[in-house]
Amino acid sequence: MTLNKPVIFVATAAFLWGLIGLFGTLLSRAGITSLEIVSIRAVFSGVFLTLYWLIKDRSVLHVRFKDLKYFAGTGLLSFLVFNYFFFTTMQLTNISVSVTLLYTCPIFVVLLSRLFFKEPLTTSKWTALLLTLSGCALVTGLIGQPLDEVPVTGILTGLCSGLTFALFSIFSKLALAKYSSATVTTYTFIVASIGILFIVPPAFFAEISVKPAVLLPGLALALLCTVVPFLLYTRAVQSLEAGRAALITTLEPVVAALLGYFVFGEALGVLKIVGILLVASGVLLVQRSGASGTLTENAS
């Protein structure tokens, strides 16, 4: 079985997104709030991409005014609103519940892709969904803990985080019909930066610019865990079904769990190991199905 480039791109993006916890922890220890971390990701990424393309290729920054609606979708709805729902869910429930609910995202992507792009609903996709969602629940520790105290509001905001995260695949695929992956990614963060500045004052960025304990992990979070993976993911969905791409991103909590074990000394019990194997099996099934052409098998 040979991995194709789009699959490698998405898997690499998922790996890099899985490193967010490392730099997020460093920023939290430096006294940075969750909302401020989101603002650092958005603004640093937007500034870096804009400066880079101004120097290398200004044509990347040329878009039509009427097409800004796509970037309002990717930047405001799929980045800022998603982060709001995700962090709200963390406050209402816990990390395990919030991460597992976030990874209902592939379900939404598969259904929305069927609606908007006529991507087939196949037995392979539904099997992969079951494997990856079960695996995520095990990896995050959701399975094995009592859920009777989880508030309905937390469940709803968690599902909203999955839906808004899923919409990035939809809006970006629509924008990719007219623009390059570089343009789509750049304007996603330009719009997100403008939006976040209505919430976090610009003075905050002047303050952290002289604090290495914040600036260095902030730059790493923006470049390594935001710019690069978003460029890779956006490039991949040009030639990869959005549903398949979303399923592959479930590798992210696996990376986070392994990072927690090797870097922070967190426990990695039998259930988490089983969960990792389930997620890996689901991702391999998606890759194998796509390579063999069985994704066109109609299971609807």
C-alpha atoms as a PDB file:
ATOM      1  CA  MET A   1       0.000   0.000   0.000  1.00  0.00           C
ATOM      2  CA  THR A   2       1.498   3.324  -1.109  1.00  0.00           C
ATOM      3  CA  LEU A   3       0.644   6.524   0.687  1.00  0.00           C
ATOM      4  CA  ASN A   4      -0.144   9.403  -1.676  1.00  0.00           C
ATOM      5  CA  LYS A   5       0.944  12.969  -1.084  1.00  0.00           C
ATOM      6  CA  PRO A   6      -2.425  14.405   0.057  1.00  0.00           C
ATOM      7  CA  VAL A   7      -2.732  11.701   2.726  1.00  0.00           C
ATOM      8  CA  ILE A   8       0.823  12.396   3.907  1.00  0.00           C
ATOM      9  CA  PHE A   9       0.034  16.137   4.001  1.00  0.00           C
ATOM     10  CA  VAL A  10      -3.068  15.619   6.175  1.00  0.00           C
ATOM     11  CA  ALA A  11      -1.294  13.151   8.472  1.00  0.00           C
ATOM     12  CA  THR A  12       1.575  15.619   8.895  1.00  0.00           C
ATOM     13  CA  ALA A  13      -0.900  18.421   9.618  1.00  0.00           C
ATOM     14  CA  ALA A  14      -2.602  16.247  12.252  1.00  0.00           C
ATOM     15  CA  PHE A  15       0.787  15.508  13.828  1.00  0.00           C
ATOM     16  CA  LEU A  16       1.672  19.207  14.002  1.00  0.00           C
ATOM     17  CA  TRP A  17      -1.760  20.094  15.410  1.00  0.00           C
ATOM     18  CA  GLY A  18      -1.107  17.456  18.045  1.00  0.00           C
ATOM     19  CA  LEU A  19       1.882  19.519  19.236  1.00  0.00           C
ATOM     20  CA  ILE A  20      -0.392  22.418  20.196  1.00  0.00           C
ATOM     21  CA  GLY A  21      -0.608  21.072  23.743  1.00  0.00           C
ATOM     22  CA  LEU A  22       3.159  21.416  24.181  1.00  0.00           C
ATOM     23  CA  PHE A  23       3.337  25.107  23.295  1.00  0.00           C
ATOM     24  CA  GLY A  24      -0.079  25.819  24.795  1.00  0.00           C
ATOM     25  CA  THR A  25       1.163  24.441  28.127  1.00  0.00           C
ATOM     26  CA  LEU A  26       4.260  26.647  27.979  1.00  0.00           C
ATOM     27  CA  LEU A  27       2.098  29.709  27.305  1.00  0.00           C
ATOM     28  CA  SER A  28      -0.350  28.796  30.078  1.00  0.00           C
ATOM     29  CA  ARG A  29       2.534  28.466  32.527  1.00  0.00           C
ATOM     30  CA  ALA A  30       3.615  31.955  31.463  1.00  0.00           C
ATOM     31  CA  GLY A  31       0.196  33.295  32.538  1.00  0.00           C
ATOM     32  CA  ILE A  32      -1.473  33.479  29.101  1.00  0.00           C
ATOM     33  CA  THR A  33      -5.230  32.767  29.033  1.00  0.00           C
ATOM     34  CA  SER A  34      -6.950  30.462  26.530  1.00  0.00           C
ATOM     35  CA  LEU A  35      -8.446  33.392  24.596  1.00  0.00           C
ATOM     36  CA  GLU A  36      -5.037  35.076  24.441  1.00  0.00           C
ATOM     37  CA  ILE A  37      -3.493  31.860  23.101  1.00  0.00           C
ATOM     38  CA  VAL A  38      -6.106  31.840  20.326  1.00  0.00           C
ATOM     39  CA  SER A  39      -5.296  35.469  19.551  1.00  0.00           C
ATOM     40  CA  ILE A  40      -1.563  34.690  19.370  1.00  0.00           C
ATOM     41  CA  ARG A  41      -2.228  31.854  16.910  1.00  0.00           C
ATOM     42  CA  ALA A  42      -4.411  34.041  14.707  1.00  0.00           C
ATOM     43  CA  VAL A  43      -2.448  37.301  14.697  1.00  0.00           C
ATOM     44  CA  PHE A  44       1.068  35.847  14.528  1.00  0.00           C
ATOM     45  CA  SER A  45      -0.002  33.523  11.702  1.00  0.00           C
ATOM     46  CA  GLY A  46      -1.755  36.319   9.809  1.00  0.00           C
ATOM     47  CA  VAL A  47       1.193  38.697  10.109  1.00  0.00           C
ATOM     48  CA  PHE A  48       3.768  36.062   9.158  1.00  0.00           C
ATOM     49  CA  LEU A  49       1.869  34.896   6.080  1.00  0.00           C
ATOM     50  CA  THR A  50       1.125  38.433   4.898  1.00  0.00           C
ATOM     51  CA  LEU A  51       4.765  39.552   5.201  1.00  0.00           C
ATOM     52  CA  TYR A  52       6.022  36.362   3.568  1.00  0.00           C
ATOM     53  CA  TRP A  53       3.809  36.727   0.489  1.00  0.00           C
ATOM     54  CA  LEU A  54       4.458  40.473   0.223  1.00  0.00           C
ATOM     55  CA  ILE A  55       8.126  39.603  -0.201  1.00  0.00           C
ATOM     56  CA  LYS A  56       7.871  36.384  -2.231  1.00  0.00           C
ATOM     57  CA  ASP A  57       4.716  36.598  -4.366  1.00  0.00           C
ATOM     58  CA  ARG A  58       2.187  39.400  -3.995  1.00  0.00           C
ATOM     59  CA  SER A  59      -0.227  37.745  -6.392  1.00  0.00           C
ATOM     60  CA  VAL A  60      -1.144  35.360  -3.552  1.00  0.00           C
ATOM     61  CA  LEU A  61      -2.760  38.323  -1.778  1.00  0.00           C
ATOM     62  CA  HIS A  62      -5.003  39.284  -4.722  1.00  0.00           C
ATOM     63  CA  VAL A  63      -8.637  38.334  -4.091  1.00  0.00           C
ATOM     64  CA  ARG A  64     -11.990  39.682  -5.173  1.00  0.00           C
ATOM     65  CA  PHE A  65     -14.023  41.543  -2.582  1.00  0.00           C
ATOM     66  CA  LYS A  66     -17.083  39.363  -3.203  1.00  0.00           C
ATOM     67  CA  ASP A  67     -15.036  36.248  -2.377  1.00  0.00           C
ATOM     68  CA  LEU A  68     -14.207  37.427   1.136  1.00  0.00           C
ATOM     69  CA  LYS A  69     -17.308  35.510   2.242  1.00  0.00           C
ATOM     70  CA  TYR A  70     -15.322  32.284   1.926  1.00  0.00           C
ATOM     71  CA  PHE A  71     -12.619  33.623   4.238  1.00  0.00           C
ATOM     72  CA  ALA A  72     -15.189  34.920   6.687  1.00  0.00           C
ATOM     73  CA  GLY A  73     -16.263  31.278   6.802  1.00  0.00           C
ATOM     74  CA  THR A  74     -12.769  29.851   7.323  1.00  0.00           C
ATOM     75  CA  GLY A  75     -11.393  32.648   9.509  1.00  0.00           C
ATOM     76  CA  LEU A  76     -14.321  33.770  11.655  1.00  0.00           C
ATOM     77  CA  LEU A  77     -16.622  30.767  11.740  1.00  0.00           C
ATOM     78  CA  SER A  78     -14.151  27.889  11.391  1.00  0.00           C
ATOM     79  CA  PHE A  79     -11.379  29.365  13.535  1.00  0.00           C
ATOM     80  CA  LEU A  80     -12.615  31.972  16.002  1.00  0.00           C
ATOM     81  CA  VAL A  81     -16.130  30.632  16.626  1.00  0.00           C
ATOM     82  CA  PHE A  82     -14.776  27.071  16.728  1.00  0.00           C
ATOM     83  CA  ASN A  83     -12.227  28.044  19.389  1.00  0.00           C
ATOM     84  CA  TYR A  84     -14.946  29.793  21.396  1.00  0.00           C
ATOM     85  CA  PHE A  85     -17.125  26.665  21.440  1.00  0.00           C
ATOM     86  CA  PHE A  86     -14.164  24.390  22.143  1.00  0.00           C
ATOM     87  CA  PHE A  87     -12.828  26.333  25.115  1.00  0.00           C
ATOM     88  CA  THR A  88     -16.357  26.878  26.442  1.00  0.00           C
ATOM     89  CA  THR A  89     -16.881  23.108  26.348  1.00  0.00           C
ATOM     90  CA  MET A  90     -13.628  22.616  28.262  1.00  0.00           C
ATOM     91  CA  GLN A  91     -14.890  24.985  30.955  1.00  0.00           C
ATOM     92  CA  LEU A  92     -18.310  23.298  31.161  1.00  0.00           C
ATOM     93  CA  THR A  93     -17.032  19.698  31.070  1.00  0.00           C
ATOM     94  CA  ASN A  94     -13.410  18.550  30.943  1.00  0.00           C
ATOM     95  CA  ILE A  95     -10.651  17.968  28.403  1.00  0.00           C
ATOM     96  CA  SER A  96     -11.684  14.365  27.671  1.00  0.00           C
ATOM     97  CA  VAL A  97     -15.300  15.235  26.868  1.00  0.00           C
ATOM     98  CA  SER A  98     -14.396  18.370  24.903  1.00  0.00           C
ATOM     99  CA  VAL A  99     -11.790  16.644  22.714  1.00  0.00           C
ATOM    100  CA  THR A 100     -14.051  13.662  21.997  1.00  0.00           C
ATOM    101  CA  LEU A 101     -16.981  15.924  21.070  1.00  0.00           C
ATOM    102  CA  LEU A 102     -14.648  17.972  18.870  1.00  0.00           C
ATOM    103  CA  TYR A 103     -13.845  14.819  16.927  1.00  0.00           C
ATOM    104  CA  THR A 104     -17.429  14.394  15.909  1.00  0.00           C
ATOM    105  CA  CYS A 105     -16.046  16.723  13.217  1.00  0.00           C
ATOM    106  CA  PRO A 106     -15.517  13.911  10.652  1.00  0.00           C
ATOM    107  CA  ILE A 107     -19.204  12.961  10.887  1.00  0.00           C
ATOM    108  CA  PHE A 108     -20.218  16.512   9.992  1.00  0.00           C
ATOM    109  CA  VAL A 109     -17.621  16.702   7.203  1.00  0.00           C
ATOM    110  CA  VAL A 110     -18.770  13.419   5.660  1.00  0.00           C
ATOM    111  CA  LEU A 111     -22.434  14.506   5.743  1.00  0.00           C
ATOM    112  CA  LEU A 112     -21.767  18.059   4.524  1.00  0.00           C
ATOM    113  CA  SER A 113     -19.448  16.790   1.791  1.00  0.00           C
ATOM    114  CA  ARG A 114     -22.241  14.512   0.604  1.00  0.00           C
ATOM    115  CA  LEU A 115     -24.591  17.516   0.512  1.00  0.00           C
ATOM    116  CA  PHE A 116     -22.287  20.058  -1.126  1.00  0.00           C
ATOM    117  CA  PHE A 117     -19.793  17.990  -3.142  1.00  0.00           C
ATOM    118  CA  LYS A 118     -21.742  14.757  -3.726  1.00  0.00           C
ATOM    119  CA  GLU A 119     -18.964  12.720  -2.101  1.00  0.00           C
ATOM    120  CA  PRO A 120     -20.183   9.120  -1.688  1.00  0.00           C
ATOM    121  CA  LEU A 121     -21.257   7.709   1.669  1.00  0.00           C
ATOM    122  CA  THR A 122     -19.475   4.366   1.766  1.00  0.00           C
ATOM    123  CA  THR A 123     -19.240   1.400   4.089  1.00  0.00           C
ATOM    124  CA  SER A 124     -15.524   2.127   4.422  1.00  0.00           C
ATOM    125  CA  LYS A 125     -16.158   5.677   5.608  1.00  0.00           C
ATOM    126  CA  TRP A 126     -18.748   4.661   8.204  1.00  0.00           C
ATOM    127  CA  THR A 127     -16.486   1.879   9.491  1.00  0.00           C
ATOM    128  CA  ALA A 128     -13.564   4.315   9.715  1.00  0.00           C
ATOM    129  CA  LEU A 129     -15.805   6.811  11.548  1.00  0.00           C
ATOM    130  CA  LEU A 130     -16.759   4.175  14.115  1.00  0.00           C
ATOM    131  CA  LEU A 131     -13.144   3.120  14.630  1.00  0.00           C
ATOM    132  CA  THR A 132     -11.741   6.646  14.935  1.00  0.00           C
ATOM    133  CA  LEU A 133     -14.501   7.992  17.219  1.00  0.00           C
ATOM    134  CA  SER A 134     -14.215   4.957  19.516  1.00  0.00           C
ATOM    135  CA  GLY A 135     -10.454   5.354  19.493  1.00  0.00           C
ATOM    136  CA  CYS A 136     -10.668   9.062  20.327  1.00  0.00           C
ATOM    137  CA  ALA A 137     -12.991   8.300  23.236  1.00  0.00           C
ATOM    138  CA  LEU A 138     -10.465   5.791  24.599  1.00  0.00           C
ATOM    139  CA  VAL A 139      -7.402   7.981  23.980  1.00  0.00           C
ATOM    140  CA  THR A 140      -8.941  10.998  25.712  1.00  0.00           C
ATOM    141  CA  GLY A 141     -10.221   8.920  28.635  1.00  0.00           C
ATOM    142  CA  LEU A 142     -13.898   9.542  27.920  1.00  0.00           C
ATOM    143  CA  ILE A 143     -14.656   5.810  28.058  1.00  0.00           C
ATOM    144  CA  GLY A 144     -14.252   4.632  31.615  1.00  0.00           C
ATOM    145  CA  GLN A 145     -15.396   7.784  33.382  1.00  0.00           C
ATOM    146  CA  PRO A 146     -18.917   8.643  34.610  1.00  0.00           C
ATOM    147  CA  LEU A 147     -20.796  10.994  32.283  1.00  0.00           C
ATOM    148  CA  ASP A 148     -24.017  11.480  34.247  1.00  0.00           C
ATOM    149  CA  GLU A 149     -22.789  14.875  35.455  1.00  0.00           C
ATOM    150  CA  VAL A 150     -21.942  16.234  32.009  1.00  0.00           C
ATOM    151  CA  PRO A 151     -24.268  19.227  31.422  1.00  0.00           C
ATOM    152  CA  VAL A 152     -26.426  19.307  28.316  1.00  0.00           C
ATOM    153  CA  THR A 153     -25.054  22.770  27.527  1.00  0.00           C
ATOM    154  CA  GLY A 154     -21.542  21.335  27.445  1.00  0.00           C
ATOM    155  CA  ILE A 155     -22.619  18.588  25.057  1.00  0.00           C
ATOM    156  CA  LEU A 156     -24.265  21.139  22.765  1.00  0.00           C
ATOM    157  CA  THR A 157     -21.244  23.479  22.714  1.00  0.00           C
ATOM    158  CA  GLY A 158     -19.000  20.454  22.109  1.00  0.00           C
ATOM    159  CA  LEU A 159     -21.064  19.381  19.116  1.00  0.00           C
ATOM    160  CA  CYS A 160     -20.959  22.985  17.869  1.00  0.00           C
ATOM    161  CA  SER A 161     -17.147  22.894  18.099  1.00  0.00           C
ATOM    162  CA  GLY A 162     -17.158  19.768  15.929  1.00  0.00           C
ATOM    163  CA  LEU A 163     -19.528  21.373  13.418  1.00  0.00           C
ATOM    164  CA  THR A 164     -17.653  24.688  13.135  1.00  0.00           C
ATOM    165  CA  PHE A 165     -14.312  22.862  12.847  1.00  0.00           C
ATOM    166  CA  ALA A 166     -15.849  20.723  10.082  1.00  0.00           C
ATOM    167  CA  LEU A 167     -16.930  23.825   8.174  1.00  0.00           C
ATOM    168  CA  PHE A 168     -13.286  24.683   7.464  1.00  0.00           C
ATOM    169  CA  SER A 169     -13.137  21.723   5.087  1.00  0.00           C
ATOM    170  CA  ILE A 170     -16.291  22.936   3.324  1.00  0.00           C
ATOM    171  CA  PHE A 171     -15.450  26.654   3.048  1.00  0.00           C
ATOM    172  CA  SER A 172     -11.834  25.991   2.083  1.00  0.00           C
ATOM    173  CA  LYS A 173     -12.845  23.530  -0.649  1.00  0.00           C
ATOM    174  CA  LEU A 174     -15.242  26.142  -2.074  1.00  0.00           C
ATOM    175  CA  ALA A 175     -12.518  28.802  -1.978  1.00  0.00           C
ATOM    176  CA  LEU A 176     -10.004  26.425  -3.574  1.00  0.00           C
ATOM    177  CA  ALA A 177     -12.153  26.400  -6.703  1.00  0.00           C
ATOM    178  CA  LYS A 178     -10.944  29.983  -7.262  1.00  0.00           C
ATOM    179  CA  TYR A 179      -7.745  30.430  -5.255  1.00  0.00           C
ATOM    180  CA  SER A 180      -4.559  28.593  -4.294  1.00  0.00           C
ATOM    181  CA  SER A 181      -4.097  26.904  -0.935  1.00  0.00           C
ATOM    182  CA  ALA A 182      -1.628  29.665  -0.014  1.00  0.00           C
ATOM    183  CA  THR A 183      -4.256  32.369  -0.628  1.00  0.00           C
ATOM    184  CA  VAL A 184      -6.958  30.493   1.263  1.00  0.00           C
ATOM    185  CA  THR A 185      -4.734  29.886   4.288  1.00  0.00           C
ATOM    186  CA  THR A 186      -3.384  33.443   4.325  1.00  0.00           C
ATOM    187  CA  TYR A 187      -6.782  35.118   4.168  1.00  0.00           C
ATOM    188  CA  THR A 188      -8.165  32.712   6.763  1.00  0.00           C
ATOM    189  CA  PHE A 189      -5.761  34.177   9.295  1.00  0.00           C
ATOM    190  CA  ILE A 190      -5.955  37.756   8.045  1.00  0.00           C
ATOM    191  CA  VAL A 191      -9.711  37.687   8.651  1.00  0.00           C
ATOM    192  CA  ALA A 192      -9.290  35.804  11.943  1.00  0.00           C
ATOM    193  CA  SER A 193      -6.724  38.392  13.086  1.00  0.00           C
ATOM    194  CA  ILE A 194      -9.063  41.280  12.340  1.00  0.00           C
ATOM    195  CA  GLY A 195     -11.860  39.526  14.199  1.00  0.00           C
ATOM    196  CA  ILE A 196      -9.811  38.706  17.312  1.00  0.00           C
ATOM    197  CA  LEU A 197      -8.556  42.294  17.626  1.00  0.00           C
ATOM    198  CA  PHE A 198     -12.113  43.328  18.512  1.00  0.00           C
ATOM    199  CA  ILE A 199     -11.784  41.065  21.568  1.00  0.00           C
ATOM    200  CA  VAL A 200      -8.098  41.172  22.553  1.00  0.00           C
ATOM    201  CA  PRO A 201      -6.608  44.706  22.473  1.00  0.00           C
ATOM    202  CA  PRO A 202      -3.519  45.348  20.292  1.00  0.00           C
ATOM    203  CA  ALA A 203      -1.658  46.487  23.419  1.00  0.00           C
ATOM    204  CA  PHE A 204      -1.474  42.833  24.484  1.00  0.00           C
ATOM    205  CA  PHE A 205       0.835  42.032  21.560  1.00  0.00           C
ATOM    206  CA  ALA A 206       3.120  44.934  22.421  1.00  0.00           C
ATOM    207  CA  GLU A 207       3.417  43.556  25.956  1.00  0.00           C
ATOM    208  CA  ILE A 208       4.317  39.998  24.979  1.00  0.00           C
ATOM    209  CA  SER A 209       6.800  41.073  22.282  1.00  0.00           C
ATOM    210  CA  VAL A 210       9.380  41.745  25.024  1.00  0.00           C
ATOM    211  CA  LYS A 211       8.713  38.526  26.948  1.00  0.00           C
ATOM    212  CA  PRO A 212      10.768  35.598  25.522  1.00  0.00           C
ATOM    213  CA  ALA A 213       8.848  33.084  27.673  1.00  0.00           C
ATOM    214  CA  VAL A 214       5.716  34.060  25.728  1.00  0.00           C
ATOM    215  CA  LEU A 215       7.115  35.209  22.383  1.00  0.00           C
ATOM    216  CA  LEU A 216       9.141  32.078  21.541  1.00  0.00           C
ATOM    217  CA  PRO A 217       6.429  29.444  22.205  1.00  0.00           C
ATOM    218  CA  GLY A 218       3.936  31.855  20.624  1.00  0.00           C
ATOM    219  CA  LEU A 219       5.952  31.969  17.405  1.00  0.00           C
ATOM    220  CA  ALA A 220       6.333  28.180  17.455  1.00  0.00           C
ATOM    221  CA  LEU A 221       2.583  27.785  17.997  1.00  0.00           C
ATOM    222  CA  ALA A 222       1.860  30.086  15.051  1.00  0.00           C
ATOM    223  CA  LEU A 223       4.420  28.737  12.583  1.00  0.00           C
ATOM    224  CA  LEU A 224       4.777  25.072  13.482  1.00  0.00           C
ATOM    225  CA  CYS A 225       1.268  24.305  14.751  1.00  0.00           C
ATOM    226  CA  THR A 226      -0.819  26.695  12.658  1.00  0.00           C
ATOM    227  CA  VAL A 227       0.693  28.041   9.428  1.00  0.00           C
ATOM    228  CA  VAL A 228       2.395  24.848   8.245  1.00  0.00           C
ATOM    229  CA  PRO A 229      -0.436  22.389   9.072  1.00  0.00           C
ATOM    230  CA  PHE A 230      -3.143  24.664   7.660  1.00  0.00           C
ATOM    231  CA  LEU A 231      -1.142  25.064   4.434  1.00  0.00           C
ATOM    232  CA  LEU A 232      -0.686  21.296   4.211  1.00  0.00           C
ATOM    233  CA  TYR A 233      -4.328  20.511   4.988  1.00  0.00           C
ATOM    234  CA  THR A 234      -5.688  23.128   2.591  1.00  0.00           C
ATOM    235  CA  ARG A 235      -3.353  21.895  -0.143  1.00  0.00           C
ATOM    236  CA  ALA A 236      -4.472  18.300   0.474  1.00  0.00           C
ATOM    237  CA  VAL A 237      -8.215  18.926   0.160  1.00  0.00           C
ATOM    238  CA  GLN A 238      -7.635  20.231  -3.360  1.00  0.00           C
ATOM    239  CA  SER A 239      -7.274  16.612  -4.502  1.00  0.00           C
ATOM    240  CA  LEU A 240      -8.547  14.613  -1.512  1.00  0.00           C
ATOM    241  CA  GLU A 241     -12.161  14.102  -0.469  1.00  0.00           C
ATOM    242  CA  ALA A 242     -12.972  16.373   2.483  1.00  0.00           C
ATOM    243  CA  GLY A 243     -14.498  13.423   4.330  1.00  0.00           C
ATOM    244  CA  ARG A 244     -11.346  11.326   4.019  1.00  0.00           C
ATOM    245  CA  ALA A 245      -9.161  14.258   5.073  1.00  0.00           C
ATOM    246  CA  ALA A 246     -11.255  14.870   8.193  1.00  0.00           C
ATOM    247  CA  LEU A 247     -11.011  11.213   9.210  1.00  0.00           C
ATOM    248  CA  ILE A 248      -7.214  11.320   8.966  1.00  0.00           C
ATOM    249  CA  THR A 249      -7.068  14.351  11.301  1.00  0.00           C
ATOM    250  CA  THR A 250      -8.238  12.115  14.157  1.00  0.00           C
ATOM    251  CA  LEU A 251      -4.542  11.263  14.498  1.00  0.00           C
ATOM    252  CA  GLU A 252      -4.211  14.563  16.378  1.00  0.00           C
ATOM    253  CA  PRO A 253      -5.408  13.340  19.823  1.00  0.00           C
ATOM    254  CA  VAL A 254      -3.161  10.285  19.400  1.00  0.00           C
ATOM    255  CA  VAL A 255      -0.162  12.560  18.920  1.00  0.00           C
ATOM    256  CA  ALA A 256      -1.257  14.628  21.934  1.00  0.00           C
ATOM    257  CA  ALA A 257      -1.551  11.485  24.093  1.00  0.00           C
ATOM    258  CA  LEU A 258       1.896  10.235  23.060  1.00  0.00           C
ATOM    259  CA  LEU A 259       3.348  13.698  23.633  1.00  0.00           C
ATOM    260  CA  GLY A 260       1.821  13.770  27.107  1.00  0.00           C
ATOM    261  CA  TYR A 261       3.393  10.395  27.861  1.00  0.00           C
ATOM    262  CA  PHE A 262       6.901  11.052  26.538  1.00  0.00           C
ATOM    263  CA  VAL A 263       7.248  14.759  27.449  1.00  0.00           C
ATOM    264  CA  PHE A 264       5.016  15.340  30.474  1.00  0.00           C
ATOM    265  CA  GLY A 265       5.075  11.838  31.991  1.00  0.00           C
ATOM    266  CA  GLU A 266       1.311  11.327  31.744  1.00  0.00           C
ATOM    267  CA  ALA A 267      -0.092   7.814  32.129  1.00  0.00           C
ATOM    268  CA  LEU A 268      -0.589   5.701  28.999  1.00  0.00           C
ATOM    269  CA  GLY A 269      -2.718   2.746  30.047  1.00  0.00           C
ATOM    270  CA  VAL A 270      -4.205  -0.196  28.171  1.00  0.00           C
ATOM    271  CA  LEU A 271      -7.359   1.695  27.144  1.00  0.00           C
ATOM    272  CA  LYS A 272      -5.347   4.530  25.584  1.00  0.00           C
ATOM    273  CA  ILE A 273      -3.150   2.068  23.705  1.00  0.00           C
ATOM    274  CA  VAL A 274      -6.260   0.291  22.364  1.00  0.00           C
ATOM    275  CA  GLY A 275      -7.658   3.696  21.380  1.00  0.00           C
ATOM    276  CA  ILE A 276      -4.476   4.581  19.501  1.00  0.00           C
ATOM    277  CA  LEU A 277      -4.678   1.298  17.603  1.00  0.00           C
ATOM    278  CA  LEU A 278      -8.340   1.914  16.719  1.00  0.00           C
ATOM    279  CA  VAL A 279      -7.614   5.403  15.374  1.00  0.00           C
ATOM    280  CA  ALA A 280      -4.639   4.097  13.401  1.00  0.00           C
ATOM    281  CA  SER A 281      -6.820   1.305  11.983  1.00  0.00           C
ATOM    282  CA  GLY A 282      -9.490   3.801  10.918  1.00  0.00           C
ATOM    283  CA  VAL A 283      -6.937   6.041   9.223  1.00  0.00           C
ATOM    284  CA  LEU A 284      -5.337   3.089   7.437  1.00  0.00           C
ATOM    285  CA  LEU A 285      -8.775   1.934   6.287  1.00  0.00           C
ATOM    286  CA  VAL A 286      -9.446   5.381   4.800  1.00  0.00           C
ATOM    287  CA  GLN A 287      -6.094   5.329   2.994  1.00  0.00           C
ATOM    288  CA  ARG A 288      -6.508   1.762   1.756  1.00  0.00           C
ATOM    289  CA  SER A 289     -10.079   2.383   0.590  1.00  0.00           C
ATOM    290  CA  GLY A 290      -9.034   5.465  -1.342  1.00  0.00           C
ATOM    291  CA  ALA A 291      -6.068   3.693  -2.913  1.00  0.00           C
ATOM    292  CA  SER A 292      -8.132   0.724  -4.016  1.00  0.00           C
ATOM    293  CA  GLY A 293     -11.028   2.796  -5.313  1.00  0.00           C
ATOM    294  CA  THR A 294     -13.654   1.363  -2.957  1.00  0.00           C
ATOM    295  CA  LEU A 295     -14.671   4.814  -1.878  1.00  0.00           C
ATOM    296  CA  THR A 296     -16.989   4.866  -4.829  1.00  0.00           C
ATOM    297  CA  GLU A 297     -18.897   1.918  -3.434  1.00  0.00           C
ATOM    298  CA  ASN A 298     -22.363   3.201  -2.641  1.00  0.00           C
ATOM    299  CA  ALA A 299     -23.526   2.571   0.891  1.00  0.00           C
ATOM    300  CA  SER A 300     -26.168   5.263   1.045  1.00  0.00           C
END
